N, C-alpha and C. Protein backbone atom coordinates (compact mmCIF):
# COMPACT_ATOMS: atom_id res chain seq x y z
N MET A 1 0.91 -1.15 0.13
CA MET A 1 -0.12 0.03 -0.02
C MET A 1 0.75 1.39 0.11
N ARG A 2 0.51 2.28 -0.74
CA ARG A 2 1.15 3.56 -0.95
C ARG A 2 1.01 4.27 0.48
N GLU A 3 2.01 5.11 0.71
CA GLU A 3 1.95 5.97 1.82
C GLU A 3 1.12 7.28 1.26
N TYR A 4 1.28 7.48 -0.16
CA TYR A 4 0.63 8.77 -0.73
C TYR A 4 -0.28 8.32 -1.74
N ASP A 5 -1.48 8.65 -1.22
CA ASP A 5 -2.71 8.40 -2.09
C ASP A 5 -2.84 9.36 -3.20
N ASP A 6 -4.04 9.16 -4.08
CA ASP A 6 -3.92 10.22 -5.14
C ASP A 6 -4.27 11.61 -4.76
N ALA A 7 -4.98 11.74 -3.71
CA ALA A 7 -5.30 13.08 -3.20
C ALA A 7 -4.11 13.75 -2.74
N VAL A 8 -3.21 13.08 -1.95
CA VAL A 8 -1.84 13.65 -1.68
C VAL A 8 -0.91 13.93 -2.88
N LEU A 9 -0.83 13.29 -3.81
CA LEU A 9 -0.26 13.28 -5.02
C LEU A 9 -0.67 14.43 -5.87
N GLU A 10 -2.07 14.45 -5.96
CA GLU A 10 -2.53 15.60 -6.59
C GLU A 10 -2.29 16.92 -6.08
N CYS A 11 -2.48 16.90 -4.94
CA CYS A 11 -2.27 18.34 -4.02
C CYS A 11 -0.77 18.73 -4.13
N PHE A 12 0.07 17.71 -4.23
CA PHE A 12 1.40 18.19 -4.43
C PHE A 12 1.80 18.64 -5.69
N LEU A 13 1.23 17.91 -6.89
CA LEU A 13 1.35 18.41 -8.12
C LEU A 13 0.88 19.76 -8.46
N GLU A 14 -0.40 20.14 -7.93
CA GLU A 14 -1.17 21.31 -8.16
C GLU A 14 -0.29 22.51 -7.31
N ASN A 15 0.28 22.12 -6.19
CA ASN A 15 0.90 23.12 -5.55
C ASN A 15 2.45 23.09 -5.32
N GLN A 16 3.10 22.30 -6.02
CA GLN A 16 4.69 22.45 -5.78
C GLN A 16 5.26 23.62 -5.92
N SER A 17 4.64 24.48 -6.64
CA SER A 17 5.40 25.80 -6.97
C SER A 17 5.58 26.74 -5.47
N GLN A 18 4.64 26.24 -4.55
CA GLN A 18 4.96 27.14 -3.25
C GLN A 18 6.23 26.64 -2.59
N LEU A 19 6.84 25.65 -3.11
CA LEU A 19 8.18 25.37 -2.44
C LEU A 19 9.26 25.34 -3.25
N PHE A 20 9.02 24.94 -4.71
CA PHE A 20 10.17 24.93 -5.81
C PHE A 20 9.77 25.78 -6.86
N PRO A 21 10.83 26.56 -7.24
CA PRO A 21 10.65 27.47 -8.30
C PRO A 21 10.35 26.87 -9.76
N GLU A 22 10.70 25.53 -9.99
CA GLU A 22 10.34 24.86 -11.02
C GLU A 22 9.60 23.52 -10.68
N PRO A 23 8.77 23.00 -11.64
CA PRO A 23 8.19 21.80 -11.26
C PRO A 23 9.18 20.63 -11.11
N VAL A 24 8.97 19.93 -10.02
CA VAL A 24 9.76 18.72 -9.80
C VAL A 24 9.03 17.33 -10.21
N ALA A 25 7.79 17.57 -10.47
CA ALA A 25 6.94 16.47 -11.03
C ALA A 25 5.93 16.67 -11.68
N GLU A 26 5.56 15.84 -12.91
CA GLU A 26 4.62 16.34 -13.99
C GLU A 26 3.52 15.29 -13.87
N THR A 27 3.70 14.02 -13.29
CA THR A 27 2.77 12.76 -13.30
C THR A 27 2.64 12.38 -11.83
N LEU A 28 1.35 11.68 -11.54
CA LEU A 28 1.32 11.16 -10.14
C LEU A 28 2.61 10.31 -9.85
N GLU A 29 2.95 9.39 -10.63
CA GLU A 29 4.11 8.59 -10.42
C GLU A 29 5.36 9.49 -10.20
N GLU A 30 5.63 10.40 -10.97
CA GLU A 30 6.91 11.24 -10.53
C GLU A 30 6.64 11.87 -9.24
N ALA A 31 5.54 12.35 -8.89
CA ALA A 31 5.29 13.10 -7.83
C ALA A 31 5.43 11.96 -6.48
N GLU A 32 5.07 10.69 -6.85
CA GLU A 32 5.22 9.75 -5.68
C GLU A 32 6.69 9.23 -5.38
N ASN A 33 7.58 9.33 -6.49
CA ASN A 33 8.90 8.98 -6.58
C ASN A 33 9.62 10.20 -5.71
N PHE A 34 9.36 11.35 -6.06
CA PHE A 34 9.89 12.43 -5.52
C PHE A 34 9.49 12.64 -4.03
N LEU A 35 8.31 12.49 -3.59
CA LEU A 35 7.96 12.51 -2.15
C LEU A 35 8.46 11.34 -1.44
N GLU A 36 8.62 10.14 -2.09
CA GLU A 36 9.44 9.06 -1.37
C GLU A 36 10.91 9.40 -1.17
N GLU A 37 11.60 9.98 -2.23
CA GLU A 37 13.00 10.31 -2.25
C GLU A 37 13.18 11.30 -0.99
N CYS A 38 12.35 12.19 -0.87
CA CYS A 38 12.56 13.30 0.16
C CYS A 38 11.99 13.11 1.50
N MET A 39 11.27 11.72 1.59
CA MET A 39 10.68 11.22 2.83
C MET A 39 9.58 12.28 3.33
N ALA A 40 8.79 12.60 2.46
CA ALA A 40 7.67 13.43 2.89
C ALA A 40 6.74 12.74 3.81
N VAL A 41 6.04 13.61 4.63
CA VAL A 41 5.37 12.86 5.65
C VAL A 41 3.89 13.54 5.54
N VAL A 42 2.90 12.55 5.75
CA VAL A 42 1.41 12.85 5.63
C VAL A 42 0.90 12.77 6.96
N VAL A 43 0.50 13.81 7.54
CA VAL A 43 -0.20 13.91 8.95
C VAL A 43 -1.75 14.04 8.95
N ASN A 44 -2.36 13.74 10.01
CA ASN A 44 -3.76 13.86 10.02
C ASN A 44 -4.41 15.10 10.75
N SER A 45 -3.74 15.96 11.07
CA SER A 45 -4.33 17.25 11.78
C SER A 45 -3.23 18.12 11.95
N VAL A 46 -3.52 19.63 12.34
CA VAL A 46 -2.69 20.72 12.61
C VAL A 46 -1.85 20.33 13.83
N ASP A 47 -2.54 19.66 14.71
CA ASP A 47 -1.60 19.26 15.93
C ASP A 47 -0.44 18.39 15.56
N GLU A 48 -0.68 17.21 14.62
CA GLU A 48 0.41 16.57 14.09
C GLU A 48 1.47 17.34 13.44
N VAL A 49 0.99 18.58 12.57
CA VAL A 49 1.95 19.16 11.87
C VAL A 49 2.86 19.83 12.93
N ILE A 50 2.20 20.50 13.79
CA ILE A 50 3.08 21.15 15.03
C ILE A 50 4.01 20.07 15.70
N GLU A 51 3.54 18.93 15.97
CA GLU A 51 4.30 17.97 16.67
C GLU A 51 5.40 17.51 15.68
N TYR A 52 5.34 17.48 14.56
CA TYR A 52 6.08 17.00 13.61
C TYR A 52 7.48 18.06 13.64
N PHE A 53 7.12 19.30 13.69
CA PHE A 53 8.10 20.22 13.59
C PHE A 53 8.88 20.29 14.84
N GLU A 54 8.11 20.26 15.89
CA GLU A 54 8.79 20.00 17.19
C GLU A 54 9.66 18.90 17.24
N ASP A 55 9.44 17.66 16.81
CA ASP A 55 10.05 16.62 16.72
C ASP A 55 11.43 16.63 15.95
N GLU A 56 11.28 17.45 14.88
CA GLU A 56 12.39 17.74 13.87
C GLU A 56 13.39 18.89 14.55
N GLY A 57 12.84 19.49 15.66
CA GLY A 57 13.68 20.46 16.25
C GLY A 57 13.60 21.81 15.42
N ILE A 58 12.52 22.03 14.80
CA ILE A 58 12.49 23.37 13.95
C ILE A 58 11.64 24.32 14.95
N ASP A 59 12.41 25.44 15.10
CA ASP A 59 11.94 26.38 16.06
C ASP A 59 10.85 27.14 15.66
N MET A 60 9.75 27.17 16.24
CA MET A 60 8.41 27.59 15.91
C MET A 60 7.91 28.45 17.08
N ASP A 61 8.92 29.16 17.76
CA ASP A 61 8.60 29.82 18.86
C ASP A 61 7.50 31.09 18.71
N GLY A 62 6.40 30.78 19.31
CA GLY A 62 5.43 31.75 19.14
C GLY A 62 4.77 31.71 17.92
N ALA A 63 4.94 30.73 17.15
CA ALA A 63 4.12 30.80 15.78
C ALA A 63 2.73 30.23 16.04
N MET A 64 1.71 30.77 15.59
CA MET A 64 0.40 30.35 15.59
C MET A 64 0.04 29.30 14.66
N ASP A 65 -0.91 28.51 14.68
CA ASP A 65 -1.25 27.44 14.06
C ASP A 65 -1.30 27.87 12.48
N ASP A 66 -2.06 29.00 12.32
CA ASP A 66 -2.20 29.30 10.79
C ASP A 66 -0.85 29.69 10.19
N GLU A 67 0.12 30.14 11.19
CA GLU A 67 1.28 30.53 10.65
C GLU A 67 2.02 29.27 10.13
N ILE A 68 1.93 28.36 10.93
CA ILE A 68 2.71 27.13 10.58
C ILE A 68 2.16 26.34 9.43
N LEU A 69 0.75 26.62 9.16
CA LEU A 69 0.14 25.98 7.93
C LEU A 69 0.56 26.71 6.95
N GLU A 70 0.93 27.99 6.91
CA GLU A 70 1.34 28.74 5.69
C GLU A 70 2.89 28.41 5.28
N ALA A 71 3.63 27.78 6.15
CA ALA A 71 5.05 27.34 5.77
C ALA A 71 5.08 26.76 4.41
N ASP A 72 5.96 27.08 3.63
CA ASP A 72 6.00 26.50 2.28
C ASP A 72 6.26 24.93 2.21
N GLU A 73 6.55 24.35 3.25
CA GLU A 73 6.76 22.88 3.41
C GLU A 73 5.52 22.15 3.60
N VAL A 74 4.41 22.94 4.00
CA VAL A 74 3.06 22.36 4.31
C VAL A 74 2.20 22.45 3.30
N PHE A 75 1.52 21.37 2.95
CA PHE A 75 0.61 21.42 1.87
C PHE A 75 -0.80 20.84 2.59
N ASP A 76 -1.82 21.63 2.25
CA ASP A 76 -3.16 21.23 2.94
C ASP A 76 -3.82 20.29 1.80
N VAL A 77 -3.99 18.97 2.08
CA VAL A 77 -4.58 18.17 1.12
C VAL A 77 -5.87 18.21 0.81
N GLY A 78 -6.61 19.01 1.82
CA GLY A 78 -7.96 19.45 1.77
C GLY A 78 -9.06 18.46 2.30
N ASP A 79 -8.53 17.44 2.89
CA ASP A 79 -9.51 16.50 3.67
C ASP A 79 -9.17 16.55 5.16
N GLY A 80 -8.32 17.39 5.63
CA GLY A 80 -8.02 17.42 7.08
C GLY A 80 -6.57 16.99 7.19
N ARG A 81 -5.85 16.17 6.23
CA ARG A 81 -4.59 15.75 6.13
C ARG A 81 -3.69 17.15 5.66
N TYR A 82 -2.47 16.77 6.15
CA TYR A 82 -1.29 17.78 5.57
C TYR A 82 -0.24 17.03 5.16
N LEU A 83 0.53 17.48 3.96
CA LEU A 83 1.60 16.82 3.43
C LEU A 83 2.82 17.61 3.95
N ILE A 84 3.89 17.29 4.45
CA ILE A 84 5.09 18.01 4.97
C ILE A 84 6.14 17.57 3.99
N VAL A 85 6.76 18.34 3.25
CA VAL A 85 8.00 18.11 2.38
C VAL A 85 9.01 18.88 2.63
N GLU A 86 10.19 18.26 3.10
CA GLU A 86 11.28 19.15 3.47
C GLU A 86 12.22 19.18 2.31
N SER A 87 12.54 20.48 1.86
CA SER A 87 13.27 20.51 0.57
C SER A 87 14.77 20.36 0.94
């Protein structure tokens, strides 16, 4: 079973320009390969996004939930889940 379902892959394809100046993938398969290579993570809530950044040691001192969700690395899948891609 894939970690990245079609909703996640399509979200990344549509929004990859928020993180990269040029497209890194053009198909679902290319998107999946890219996300696997950079070990992107799918989480199920805003709290899990915050927890991920804390676990990674990323300083979010005083950042509000909506500020964290506006980070270039965070993609809103649209169904309550978030894709986190570290470039």
